[in-house]
Amino acid sequence: MRVFRRRRGAHRHHAARTPGSAGLPRAARVALGCLPGLAAVAALVLCAYGVENAADTTARPATPRPTATPYAAPRPHIVPRSHWLHDAAHAQPRPRYDDRVAAVFVHHTDSPNGYDCADAPGIIQDLYTGQTGTRDWDDIGYNFVVDRCGTIYEGRAGGVERAVTGAHTQGFNHRTTGIAALGTFTEGLPVPKAMIHAIAALSAWKLGLTGIDPRADVRLVSSNGLSRYAAGTAAELPALAGHSDGYMTSCPGAALHARLPEIRELAARMQGRTEDPQQDHSRRAVSSDPGALRSSPQPADRRWGS
């Protein structure tokens, strides 16, 4: 039986092949054999990189991009709470969140109007101290505070872009944001133009994140029988409402409440809405789909009464 022996040097010749070329077509191996050693290695590295990336791209499912709402409004400048909180901060539980913001409630702080706007951070800190001290709340109830110069301040902790559950409108703190106008705006008192513009801009942005028309009506479920509606009642309320729309109170004052239609229209324009609200399909009531968000009143819910 003839035994065929490998010619001497054949093994060494095989080992001298360009690394990684075994899996390439014969024509590619021939072409690479004509290249200088380093160039061949470089070419193979690039080839392998391209094949690996192509395979990786094919195997990896595409990540869906978040879809922007058609009527999104730009985010206004918001001063962070660290600007007014300073050393007054105390330990508090983690913020609670809802899945989205379906409505805005406008308030007034029922504090003096003749302040210098540079003093606004100190006044907000006093509000925080009163609510977390005398009332024993875990944090300031409002999500945002707007001063008479139109400066917007972050209120309750948790992130301005998130749907933070506030403590501002008893029975309707879920899926809503509370905006407090710094001052008192009872009947006959002027509401500063800069404040109106800032409330509209903030409302347009927050409601625009979920595509809500500021002129629309929304259905919210009351979580507390001390509100205007019995617990569990689905109430149809303005998407941009006054505190008194959901609770028995004079807040946000007759003067500011009378300006809410103007604020709604201004906020709608900021969202790029030009339709007649009577013809606009978004004028129809939008359900807040409360579902699992029905909950027993929290301590701050029970205490909030102004």
Protein backbone atom coordinates (compact mmCIF):
# COMPACT_ATOMS: atom_id res chain seq x y z
CA MET A 1 0.00 0.00 0.00
CA ARG A 2 1.61 3.21 -1.13
CA VAL A 3 1.90 5.83 1.48
CA PHE A 4 1.79 9.35 0.13
CA ARG A 5 4.03 11.58 2.15
CA ARG A 6 3.65 15.31 2.35
CA ARG A 7 6.49 17.08 0.62
CA ARG A 8 8.96 18.69 2.95
CA GLY A 9 8.21 22.28 3.59
CA ALA A 10 4.55 21.91 2.72
CA HIS A 11 3.50 22.36 6.37
CA ARG A 12 5.61 25.43 6.70
CA HIS A 13 4.14 26.78 3.48
CA HIS A 14 0.61 26.21 4.81
CA ALA A 15 1.41 27.93 8.09
CA ALA A 16 2.75 30.92 6.25
CA ARG A 17 -0.64 31.66 4.72
CA THR A 18 -2.12 35.01 5.54
CA PRO A 19 -4.08 34.71 8.81
CA GLY A 20 -7.80 34.41 8.39
CA SER A 21 -7.73 33.73 4.64
CA ALA A 22 -8.94 30.15 4.81
CA GLY A 23 -12.61 31.06 4.65
CA LEU A 24 -12.23 33.44 1.68
CA PRO A 25 -13.00 32.53 -1.93
CA ARG A 26 -10.06 31.32 -4.03
CA ALA A 27 -10.01 34.52 -6.09
CA ALA A 28 -9.73 36.60 -2.93
CA ARG A 29 -6.89 34.42 -1.65
CA VAL A 30 -5.06 34.80 -4.92
CA ALA A 31 -5.49 38.57 -4.82
CA LEU A 32 -4.28 38.76 -1.26
CA GLY A 33 -1.30 36.66 -2.12
CA CYS A 34 -0.18 39.41 -4.43
CA LEU A 35 -0.29 42.03 -1.68
CA PRO A 36 2.57 42.68 0.68
CA GLY A 37 2.12 40.91 4.01
CA LEU A 38 1.06 43.91 6.09
CA ALA A 39 -1.32 45.16 3.43
CA ALA A 40 -2.98 41.75 3.25
CA VAL A 41 -3.47 41.63 6.98
CA ALA A 42 -4.94 45.13 6.96
CA ALA A 43 -7.30 44.25 4.14
CA LEU A 44 -8.51 41.17 5.97
CA VAL A 45 -9.09 43.10 9.18
CA LEU A 46 -11.23 45.64 7.32
CA CYS A 47 -13.09 42.86 5.56
CA ALA A 48 -13.77 41.01 8.80
CA TYR A 49 -14.90 44.23 10.48
CA GLY A 50 -17.35 44.91 7.69
CA VAL A 51 -18.78 41.39 7.74
CA GLU A 52 -19.13 41.43 11.52
CA ASN A 53 -20.93 44.76 11.47
CA ALA A 54 -23.22 43.66 8.67
CA ALA A 55 -24.16 40.51 10.57
CA ASP A 56 -24.66 42.50 13.75
CA THR A 57 -26.88 45.04 12.02
CA THR A 58 -29.00 42.31 10.50
CA ALA A 59 -29.44 40.45 13.79
CA ARG A 60 -30.18 43.43 15.99
CA PRO A 61 -33.82 44.58 15.92
CA ALA A 62 -34.32 48.23 15.10
CA THR A 63 -35.01 50.40 18.12
CA PRO A 64 -38.24 52.35 17.58
CA ARG A 65 -37.76 56.09 17.77
CA PRO A 66 -40.08 58.01 20.06
CA THR A 67 -42.73 59.74 18.01
CA ALA A 68 -43.16 63.43 18.70
CA THR A 69 -46.69 64.69 19.09
CA PRO A 70 -47.84 66.85 16.18
CA TYR A 71 -48.49 69.80 18.49
CA ALA A 72 -45.43 69.75 20.72
CA ALA A 73 -44.41 73.13 22.15
CA PRO A 74 -40.86 74.15 23.06
CA ARG A 75 -39.79 73.75 26.65
CA PRO A 76 -39.56 77.13 28.39
CA HIS A 77 -36.66 77.97 30.68
CA ILE A 78 -37.22 76.50 34.14
CA VAL A 79 -35.13 77.48 37.16
CA PRO A 80 -34.19 74.33 39.13
CA ARG A 81 -35.43 73.91 42.69
CA SER A 82 -31.87 74.00 43.99
CA HIS A 83 -31.97 77.75 43.25
CA TRP A 84 -34.55 78.36 45.99
CA LEU A 85 -34.30 75.31 48.25
CA HIS A 86 -30.72 75.68 49.58
CA ASP A 87 -30.40 74.59 53.23
CA ALA A 88 -34.16 74.25 53.77
CA ALA A 89 -34.19 70.79 52.20
CA HIS A 90 -35.01 67.86 54.42
CA ALA A 91 -35.22 64.11 54.01
CA GLN A 92 -38.28 63.07 52.04
CA PRO A 93 -39.65 59.92 50.41
CA ARG A 94 -39.01 59.23 46.75
CA PRO A 95 -41.30 61.09 44.31
CA ARG A 96 -44.40 59.37 42.98
CA TYR A 97 -45.06 59.32 39.25
CA ASP A 98 -47.99 58.89 36.90
CA ASP A 99 -47.62 57.70 33.32
CA ARG A 100 -48.46 61.06 31.71
CA VAL A 101 -49.86 64.54 32.25
CA ALA A 102 -53.40 64.96 30.95
CA ALA A 103 -54.31 68.28 32.57
CA VAL A 104 -52.91 71.39 34.24
CA PHE A 105 -54.36 73.05 37.34
CA VAL A 106 -53.58 76.73 37.87
CA HIS A 107 -53.31 78.12 41.42
CA HIS A 108 -52.28 81.27 43.22
CA THR A 109 -50.16 81.17 46.36
CA ASP A 110 -52.32 83.71 48.23
CA SER A 111 -49.20 85.66 49.19
CA PRO A 112 -48.38 89.39 48.79
CA ASN A 113 -48.03 90.78 45.25
CA GLY A 114 -45.64 93.67 45.79
CA TYR A 115 -42.47 91.59 45.86
CA ASP A 116 -39.29 92.21 43.92
CA CYS A 117 -38.74 89.34 41.49
CA ALA A 118 -35.25 88.84 42.89
CA ASP A 119 -36.97 87.85 46.16
CA ALA A 120 -39.11 85.15 44.54
CA PRO A 121 -36.75 82.26 45.48
CA GLY A 122 -36.96 83.25 49.15
CA ILE A 123 -40.76 83.43 48.99
CA ILE A 124 -40.94 79.96 47.41
CA GLN A 125 -38.67 78.65 50.14
CA ASP A 126 -41.07 80.10 52.72
CA LEU A 127 -43.96 78.30 50.99
CA TYR A 128 -41.97 75.07 51.12
CA THR A 129 -41.18 75.56 54.81
CA GLY A 130 -44.83 76.22 55.63
CA GLN A 131 -46.13 73.22 53.72
CA THR A 132 -43.48 70.79 54.97
CA GLY A 133 -43.48 72.23 58.49
CA THR A 134 -46.90 73.40 59.64
CA ARG A 135 -48.79 71.11 57.28
CA ASP A 136 -46.27 68.27 57.56
CA TRP A 137 -46.19 67.52 53.84
CA ASP A 138 -43.27 65.66 52.31
CA ASP A 139 -42.52 68.44 49.77
CA ILE A 140 -43.97 71.59 48.25
CA GLY A 141 -47.30 70.72 46.67
CA TYR A 142 -46.98 72.64 43.37
CA ASN A 143 -45.05 71.18 40.47
CA PHE A 144 -44.12 74.67 39.26
CA VAL A 145 -44.24 78.25 40.54
CA VAL A 146 -44.35 81.31 38.24
CA ASP A 147 -43.48 84.79 39.51
CA ARG A 148 -44.86 88.12 38.28
CA CYS A 149 -41.86 88.63 35.98
CA GLY A 150 -42.62 85.40 34.16
CA THR A 151 -39.81 83.32 35.68
CA ILE A 152 -40.73 79.65 36.01
CA TYR A 153 -39.38 77.70 38.99
CA GLU A 154 -39.32 73.96 39.48
CA GLY A 155 -41.42 73.13 42.52
CA ARG A 156 -42.00 69.57 43.63
CA ALA A 157 -39.04 67.21 43.23
CA GLY A 158 -38.95 64.44 40.64
CA GLY A 159 -37.94 66.01 37.31
CA VAL A 160 -39.68 68.72 35.30
CA GLU A 161 -40.10 66.51 32.23
CA ARG A 162 -41.68 63.65 34.15
CA ALA A 163 -45.29 63.21 35.28
CA VAL A 164 -44.64 63.86 38.96
CA THR A 165 -47.67 63.31 41.21
CA GLY A 166 -48.16 66.58 43.05
CA ALA A 167 -50.22 67.67 46.05
CA HIS A 168 -52.03 70.69 44.66
CA THR A 169 -55.63 69.75 43.80
CA GLN A 170 -57.29 67.40 46.24
CA GLY A 171 -58.85 64.50 44.36
CA PHE A 172 -57.07 65.30 41.09
CA ASN A 173 -53.35 65.05 41.74
CA HIS A 174 -52.96 62.07 39.40
CA ARG A 175 -52.04 62.73 35.77
CA THR A 176 -52.03 66.47 36.37
CA THR A 177 -49.48 69.24 36.90
CA GLY A 178 -49.97 72.10 39.35
CA ILE A 179 -48.77 75.58 38.34
CA ALA A 180 -48.88 78.22 41.06
CA ALA A 181 -48.89 81.95 40.31
CA LEU A 182 -46.84 83.65 42.99
CA GLY A 183 -49.20 86.23 44.54
CA THR A 184 -52.88 86.86 45.16
CA PHE A 185 -55.28 87.35 42.24
CA THR A 186 -58.70 87.89 43.67
CA GLU A 187 -61.31 89.95 41.83
CA GLY A 188 -60.12 93.36 40.65
CA LEU A 189 -56.39 92.67 40.99
CA PRO A 190 -54.23 92.79 37.86
CA VAL A 191 -52.52 89.66 36.54
CA PRO A 192 -49.09 90.51 35.06
CA LYS A 193 -48.77 89.89 31.34
CA ALA A 194 -45.40 88.14 31.79
CA MET A 195 -47.01 85.74 34.25
CA ILE A 196 -49.85 84.93 31.84
CA HIS A 197 -47.37 84.27 29.04
CA ALA A 198 -45.21 82.01 31.24
CA ILE A 199 -48.20 79.95 32.46
CA ALA A 200 -49.32 79.51 28.85
CA ALA A 201 -45.83 78.49 27.69
CA LEU A 202 -45.42 75.99 30.50
CA SER A 203 -48.90 74.52 29.96
CA ALA A 204 -48.36 74.29 26.20
CA TRP A 205 -45.13 72.36 26.74
CA LYS A 206 -46.40 69.96 29.44
CA LEU A 207 -49.67 69.19 27.64
CA GLY A 208 -47.90 69.00 24.30
CA LEU A 209 -45.77 66.11 25.55
CA THR A 210 -48.90 63.96 25.33
CA GLY A 211 -50.63 65.82 22.51
CA ILE A 212 -53.33 67.44 24.66
CA ASP A 213 -54.98 70.59 23.33
CA PRO A 214 -55.06 73.23 26.12
CA ARG A 215 -58.59 74.12 24.96
CA ALA A 216 -59.84 70.54 25.24
CA ASP A 217 -61.82 68.87 27.99
CA VAL A 218 -60.42 65.77 29.71
CA ARG A 219 -61.96 63.12 31.93
CA LEU A 220 -60.23 62.69 35.26
CA VAL A 221 -61.26 60.32 38.04
CA SER A 222 -61.51 61.79 41.53
CA SER A 223 -59.46 59.96 44.15
CA ASN A 224 -60.91 61.82 47.12
CA GLY A 225 -64.47 62.50 48.23
CA LEU A 226 -63.46 65.90 49.62
CA SER A 227 -63.02 67.27 46.10
CA ARG A 228 -65.93 68.63 44.06
CA TYR A 229 -66.60 65.06 42.95
CA ALA A 230 -67.14 61.88 44.94
CA ALA A 231 -64.24 59.42 44.96
CA GLY A 232 -64.33 57.29 41.82
CA THR A 233 -66.33 59.82 39.81
CA ALA A 234 -65.14 60.50 36.27
CA ALA A 235 -65.32 64.27 35.91
CA GLU A 236 -65.03 66.18 32.65
CA LEU A 237 -62.76 69.15 33.29
CA PRO A 238 -60.80 71.65 31.20
CA ALA A 239 -57.33 70.42 30.25
CA LEU A 240 -56.11 73.79 31.52
CA ALA A 241 -58.21 74.31 34.62
CA GLY A 242 -58.31 76.45 37.72
CA HIS A 243 -57.98 74.92 41.17
CA SER A 244 -61.63 75.75 41.85
CA ASP A 245 -62.72 73.58 38.90
CA GLY A 246 -61.75 70.50 40.88
CA TYR A 247 -62.01 71.65 44.50
CA MET A 248 -64.26 73.93 46.54
CA THR A 249 -62.01 76.96 46.83
CA SER A 250 -61.62 80.50 45.54
CA CYS A 251 -58.13 79.65 44.23
CA PRO A 252 -56.68 80.75 41.80
CA GLY A 253 -58.63 83.93 42.46
CA ALA A 254 -61.39 85.42 40.33
CA ALA A 255 -58.99 87.67 38.39
CA LEU A 256 -56.68 84.84 37.34
CA HIS A 257 -59.52 82.41 36.69
CA ALA A 258 -61.09 84.96 34.34
CA ARG A 259 -57.85 84.95 32.30
CA LEU A 260 -57.82 81.16 31.80
CA PRO A 261 -59.65 81.27 28.42
CA GLU A 262 -56.97 83.69 27.19
CA ILE A 263 -54.23 81.44 28.56
CA ARG A 264 -55.76 78.39 26.84
CA GLU A 265 -55.86 80.14 23.47
CA LEU A 266 -52.31 81.42 23.87
CA ALA A 267 -51.06 77.95 24.85
CA ALA A 268 -52.83 76.41 21.84
CA ARG A 269 -51.10 78.87 19.52
CA MET A 270 -47.77 78.02 21.14
CA GLN A 271 -48.47 74.40 20.21
CA GLY A 272 -49.01 75.47 16.62
CA ARG A 273 -52.78 74.97 16.64
CA THR A 274 -54.59 77.31 14.31
CA GLU A 275 -57.99 75.59 13.98
CA ASP A 276 -61.20 77.03 15.29
CA PRO A 277 -61.65 75.27 18.64
CA GLN A 278 -65.29 74.52 17.72
CA GLN A 279 -64.11 72.62 14.64
CA ASP A 280 -60.86 71.20 15.99
CA HIS A 281 -61.22 67.46 16.59
CA SER A 282 -59.00 67.76 19.67
CA ARG A 283 -61.71 69.87 21.30
CA ARG A 284 -63.55 66.62 22.07
CA ALA A 285 -63.19 65.25 25.57
CA VAL A 286 -60.03 63.22 25.97
CA SER A 287 -60.08 60.43 28.55
CA SER A 288 -57.23 60.35 31.03
CA ASP A 289 -57.73 56.57 31.24
CA PRO A 290 -57.19 56.52 34.99
CA GLY A 291 -57.49 52.73 35.40
CA ALA A 292 -54.93 51.47 37.87
CA LEU A 293 -54.10 54.99 38.98
CA ARG A 294 -57.16 55.13 41.22
CA SER A 295 -55.67 55.11 44.67
CA SER A 296 -56.53 55.88 48.24
CA PRO A 297 -55.78 59.48 49.23
CA GLN A 298 -52.21 60.16 50.30
CA PRO A 299 -51.48 62.32 53.38
CA ALA A 300 -50.87 65.38 51.23
CA ASP A 301 -54.12 64.70 49.34
CA ARG A 302 -56.10 64.76 52.57
CA ARG A 303 -54.45 67.88 53.92
CA TRP A 304 -54.70 70.00 50.78
CA GLY A 305 -57.72 72.24 51.13
CA SER A 306 -56.84 75.70 49.86
